């Protein structure tokens, strides 16, 4: 199984508002940048979309080292929250609806396909790939701001 590094970030102006996401895939010397955005979205949706789009770009199951500055993404996966929400019909422990079930369904399917190891990094703290993903996300956010 090949090992791929995936770096992701999302950005949003207002929450909700125009948003963008950026992802970098790196395997050895090969690097691919991906980005996109929406006119009306939330920061968490953009963070999660970056992960989905990055994993979706892989043509076969891989070992993925995923680095994100999103506590929402990281904790929801590593602490088992997203799987629990799914199992409970997208209802959280406090009986409120879980947010973004459409994206979580896609993300969980991709997490089942790939062997993903998550790493959280502090945003805007000089991590080169995180900074580049932020640049991509902000560029897309601004492009979708109308």
C-alpha atoms as a PDB file:
ATOM      1  CA  UNK A   1       0.000   0.000   0.000  1.00  0.00           C
ATOM      2  CA  UNK A   2       1.452   3.343  -1.038  1.00  0.00           C
ATOM      3  CA  UNK A   3       1.854   6.131   1.531  1.00  0.00           C
ATOM      4  CA  UNK A   4       0.495   9.559   0.625  1.00  0.00           C
ATOM      5  CA  UNK A   5       0.634  12.760   2.648  1.00  0.00           C
ATOM      6  CA  UNK A   6      -2.545  14.870   2.580  1.00  0.00           C
ATOM      7  CA  UNK A   7      -2.662  18.416   3.937  1.00  0.00           C
ATOM      8  CA  UNK A   8      -5.999  20.258   4.125  1.00  0.00           C
ATOM      9  CA  UNK A   9      -7.552  23.558   5.155  1.00  0.00           C
ATOM     10  CA  UNK A  10     -10.804  25.454   4.817  1.00  0.00           C
ATOM     11  CA  UNK A  11     -11.721  29.133   4.976  1.00  0.00           C
ATOM     12  CA  UNK A  12     -14.960  31.050   5.260  1.00  0.00           C
ATOM     13  CA  UNK A  13     -15.942  34.738   5.348  1.00  0.00           C
ATOM     14  CA  UNK A  14     -18.764  34.901   7.826  1.00  0.00           C
ATOM     15  CA  UNK A  15     -20.094  31.611   9.043  1.00  0.00           C
ATOM     16  CA  UNK A  16     -22.085  30.967   6.887  1.00  0.00           C
ATOM     17  CA  UNK A  17     -20.743  32.889   3.939  1.00  0.00           C
ATOM     18  CA  UNK A  18     -18.474  32.386   0.941  1.00  0.00           C
ATOM     19  CA  UNK A  19     -15.930  29.682   1.556  1.00  0.00           C
ATOM     20  CA  UNK A  20     -13.019  27.827   0.057  1.00  0.00           C
ATOM     21  CA  UNK A  21     -10.912  24.760   0.670  1.00  0.00           C
ATOM     22  CA  UNK A  22      -7.406  23.703  -0.259  1.00  0.00           C
ATOM     23  CA  UNK A  23      -5.636  20.349  -0.253  1.00  0.00           C
ATOM     24  CA  UNK A  24      -2.144  19.169  -1.085  1.00  0.00           C
ATOM     25  CA  UNK A  25      -1.369  15.547  -1.917  1.00  0.00           C
ATOM     26  CA  UNK A  26       2.267  14.468  -1.799  1.00  0.00           C
ATOM     27  CA  UNK A  27       3.746  11.101  -2.677  1.00  0.00           C
ATOM     28  CA  UNK A  28       7.508  11.169  -2.866  1.00  0.00           C
ATOM     29  CA  UNK A  29       8.466  13.913  -5.312  1.00  0.00           C
ATOM     30  CA  UNK A  30       4.961  14.167  -6.754  1.00  0.00           C
ATOM     31  CA  UNK A  31       2.794  17.011  -5.428  1.00  0.00           C
ATOM     32  CA  UNK A  32      -0.770  17.883  -6.455  1.00  0.00           C
ATOM     33  CA  UNK A  33      -2.710  20.922  -5.262  1.00  0.00           C
ATOM     34  CA  UNK A  34      -6.516  20.929  -5.233  1.00  0.00           C
ATOM     35  CA  UNK A  35      -8.948  23.701  -4.327  1.00  0.00           C
ATOM     36  CA  UNK A  36     -12.555  24.766  -4.648  1.00  0.00           C
ATOM     37  CA  UNK A  37     -15.249  26.751  -2.934  1.00  0.00           C
ATOM     38  CA  UNK A  38     -18.904  27.662  -2.540  1.00  0.00           C
ATOM     39  CA  UNK A  39     -20.842  30.906  -2.323  1.00  0.00           C
ATOM     40  CA  UNK A  40     -22.772  29.975   0.830  1.00  0.00           C
ATOM     41  CA  UNK A  41     -21.189  27.540   3.272  1.00  0.00           C
ATOM     42  CA  UNK A  42     -19.554  27.192   6.687  1.00  0.00           C
ATOM     43  CA  UNK A  43     -15.952  26.845   7.782  1.00  0.00           C
ATOM     44  CA  UNK A  44     -16.509  23.292   9.038  1.00  0.00           C
ATOM     45  CA  UNK A  45     -18.056  22.275   5.705  1.00  0.00           C
ATOM     46  CA  UNK A  46     -14.999  23.617   3.901  1.00  0.00           C
ATOM     47  CA  UNK A  47     -12.591  21.842   6.276  1.00  0.00           C
ATOM     48  CA  UNK A  48     -14.428  18.558   5.716  1.00  0.00           C
ATOM     49  CA  UNK A  49     -14.739  19.097   1.956  1.00  0.00           C
ATOM     50  CA  UNK A  50     -10.966  19.537   1.699  1.00  0.00           C
ATOM     51  CA  UNK A  51     -10.482  16.120   3.320  1.00  0.00           C
ATOM     52  CA  UNK A  52     -13.119  14.501   1.090  1.00  0.00           C
ATOM     53  CA  UNK A  53     -11.686  15.971  -2.101  1.00  0.00           C
ATOM     54  CA  UNK A  54      -8.144  15.032  -1.163  1.00  0.00           C
ATOM     55  CA  UNK A  55      -9.056  11.423  -0.377  1.00  0.00           C
ATOM     56  CA  UNK A  56     -11.316  11.223  -3.454  1.00  0.00           C
ATOM     57  CA  UNK A  57      -8.382  12.136  -5.690  1.00  0.00           C
ATOM     58  CA  UNK A  58      -6.596   8.897  -4.780  1.00  0.00           C
ATOM     59  CA  UNK A  59      -7.054   6.238  -7.442  1.00  0.00           C
ATOM     60  CA  UNK A  60      -6.486   3.236  -5.170  1.00  0.00           C
ATOM     61  CA  UNK A  61      -6.519   2.504  -1.436  1.00  0.00           C
ATOM     62  CA  UNK A  62      -3.523   4.145   0.243  1.00  0.00           C
ATOM     63  CA  UNK A  63      -1.985   4.733   3.612  1.00  0.00           C
ATOM     64  CA  UNK A  64      -2.712   8.423   4.154  1.00  0.00           C
ATOM     65  CA  UNK A  65      -1.023  10.713   6.634  1.00  0.00           C
ATOM     66  CA  UNK A  66      -3.594  13.498   6.937  1.00  0.00           C
ATOM     67  CA  UNK A  67      -2.571  16.809   8.472  1.00  0.00           C
ATOM     68  CA  UNK A  68      -5.277  19.372   9.290  1.00  0.00           C
ATOM     69  CA  UNK A  69      -5.710  22.378  11.544  1.00  0.00           C
ATOM     70  CA  UNK A  70      -9.391  21.526  12.065  1.00  0.00           C
ATOM     71  CA  UNK A  71     -10.237  20.257  15.546  1.00  0.00           C
ATOM     72  CA  UNK A  72     -13.752  19.569  14.209  1.00  0.00           C
ATOM     73  CA  UNK A  73     -12.427  17.134  11.601  1.00  0.00           C
ATOM     74  CA  UNK A  74      -9.704  15.646  13.775  1.00  0.00           C
ATOM     75  CA  UNK A  75     -11.776  15.106  16.915  1.00  0.00           C
ATOM     76  CA  UNK A  76     -14.878  13.902  15.063  1.00  0.00           C
ATOM     77  CA  UNK A  77     -12.804  11.134  13.493  1.00  0.00           C
ATOM     78  CA  UNK A  78     -10.243  10.223  16.168  1.00  0.00           C
ATOM     79  CA  UNK A  79     -12.706  10.364  19.074  1.00  0.00           C
ATOM     80  CA  UNK A  80     -15.296   8.330  17.156  1.00  0.00           C
ATOM     81  CA  UNK A  81     -17.958  11.040  17.205  1.00  0.00           C
ATOM     82  CA  UNK A  82     -18.777  10.863  13.480  1.00  0.00           C
ATOM     83  CA  UNK A  83     -19.218   7.072  13.575  1.00  0.00           C
ATOM     84  CA  UNK A  84     -21.448   7.434  16.623  1.00  0.00           C
ATOM     85  CA  UNK A  85     -23.563  10.119  14.936  1.00  0.00           C
ATOM     86  CA  UNK A  86     -23.921   7.880  11.886  1.00  0.00           C
ATOM     87  CA  UNK A  87     -24.888   4.868  14.004  1.00  0.00           C
ATOM     88  CA  UNK A  88     -27.505   6.993  15.809  1.00  0.00           C
ATOM     89  CA  UNK A  89     -29.125   8.324  12.644  1.00  0.00           C
ATOM     90  CA  UNK A  90     -27.107  11.570  12.687  1.00  0.00           C
ATOM     91  CA  UNK A  91     -28.236  12.470  16.187  1.00  0.00           C
ATOM     92  CA  UNK A  92     -25.570  13.548  18.681  1.00  0.00           C
ATOM     93  CA  UNK A  93     -25.330  12.487  22.320  1.00  0.00           C
ATOM     94  CA  UNK A  94     -27.184  15.655  23.368  1.00  0.00           C
ATOM     95  CA  UNK A  95     -30.101  14.570  21.096  1.00  0.00           C
ATOM     96  CA  UNK A  96     -29.439  17.441  18.665  1.00  0.00           C
ATOM     97  CA  UNK A  97     -28.913  16.755  14.973  1.00  0.00           C
ATOM     98  CA  UNK A  98     -25.317  16.281  13.872  1.00  0.00           C
ATOM     99  CA  UNK A  99     -24.167  18.893  11.383  1.00  0.00           C
ATOM    100  CA  UNK A 100     -23.049  18.065   7.854  1.00  0.00           C
ATOM    101  CA  UNK A 101     -24.282  14.452   7.652  1.00  0.00           C
ATOM    102  CA  UNK A 102     -24.086  14.581   3.827  1.00  0.00           C
ATOM    103  CA  UNK A 103     -20.354  15.288   4.001  1.00  0.00           C
ATOM    104  CA  UNK A 104     -19.722  12.900   6.875  1.00  0.00           C
ATOM    105  CA  UNK A 105     -21.298  10.031   4.893  1.00  0.00           C
ATOM    106  CA  UNK A 106     -18.781  10.655   2.095  1.00  0.00           C
ATOM    107  CA  UNK A 107     -15.884  11.124   4.506  1.00  0.00           C
ATOM    108  CA  UNK A 108     -16.602   7.933   6.437  1.00  0.00           C
ATOM    109  CA  UNK A 109     -16.796   5.894   3.211  1.00  0.00           C
ATOM    110  CA  UNK A 110     -13.390   7.271   2.195  1.00  0.00           C
ATOM    111  CA  UNK A 111     -11.967   6.593   5.653  1.00  0.00           C
ATOM    112  CA  UNK A 112     -13.104   2.967   5.213  1.00  0.00           C
ATOM    113  CA  UNK A 113     -11.268   2.795   1.861  1.00  0.00           C
ATOM    114  CA  UNK A 114      -7.956   4.256   3.006  1.00  0.00           C
ATOM    115  CA  UNK A 115      -5.756   3.671   6.046  1.00  0.00           C
ATOM    116  CA  UNK A 116      -5.774   7.217   7.450  1.00  0.00           C
ATOM    117  CA  UNK A 117      -3.557   8.523  10.235  1.00  0.00           C
ATOM    118  CA  UNK A 118      -4.610  11.975  11.448  1.00  0.00           C
ATOM    119  CA  UNK A 119      -2.367  14.760  12.686  1.00  0.00           C
ATOM    120  CA  UNK A 120      -3.580  18.098  14.018  1.00  0.00           C
ATOM    121  CA  UNK A 121      -1.447  21.220  13.608  1.00  0.00           C
ATOM    122  CA  UNK A 122      -2.057  24.713  14.886  1.00  0.00           C
ATOM    123  CA  UNK A 123      -3.293  26.926  12.062  1.00  0.00           C
ATOM    124  CA  UNK A 124      -1.375  30.045  11.011  1.00  0.00           C
ATOM    125  CA  UNK A 125       1.681  28.842  12.903  1.00  0.00           C
ATOM    126  CA  UNK A 126       4.172  28.501  10.083  1.00  0.00           C
ATOM    127  CA  UNK A 127       3.554  24.895   8.978  1.00  0.00           C
ATOM    128  CA  UNK A 128       4.473  25.242   5.259  1.00  0.00           C
ATOM    129  CA  UNK A 129       1.835  22.931   3.775  1.00  0.00           C
ATOM    130  CA  UNK A 130      -0.872  24.193   6.112  1.00  0.00           C
ATOM    131  CA  UNK A 131      -0.021  27.760   5.143  1.00  0.00           C
ATOM    132  CA  UNK A 132      -0.206  26.851   1.433  1.00  0.00           C
ATOM    133  CA  UNK A 133      -3.563  25.105   1.919  1.00  0.00           C
ATOM    134  CA  UNK A 134      -4.788  28.246   3.678  1.00  0.00           C
ATOM    135  CA  UNK A 135      -3.666  30.358   0.707  1.00  0.00           C
ATOM    136  CA  UNK A 136      -5.576  28.080  -1.678  1.00  0.00           C
ATOM    137  CA  UNK A 137      -8.689  28.134   0.545  1.00  0.00           C
ATOM    138  CA  UNK A 138      -8.636  31.935   0.940  1.00  0.00           C
ATOM    139  CA  UNK A 139      -8.153  32.408  -2.812  1.00  0.00           C
ATOM    140  CA  UNK A 140     -11.222  30.237  -3.489  1.00  0.00           C
ATOM    141  CA  UNK A 141     -13.218  31.927  -0.730  1.00  0.00           C
ATOM    142  CA  UNK A 142     -12.490  35.328  -2.270  1.00  0.00           C
ATOM    143  CA  UNK A 143     -13.328  34.024  -5.750  1.00  0.00           C
ATOM    144  CA  UNK A 144     -16.726  32.816  -4.494  1.00  0.00           C
ATOM    145  CA  UNK A 145     -17.478  36.025  -2.598  1.00  0.00           C
ATOM    146  CA  UNK A 146     -19.207  37.348  -5.732  1.00  0.00           C
END
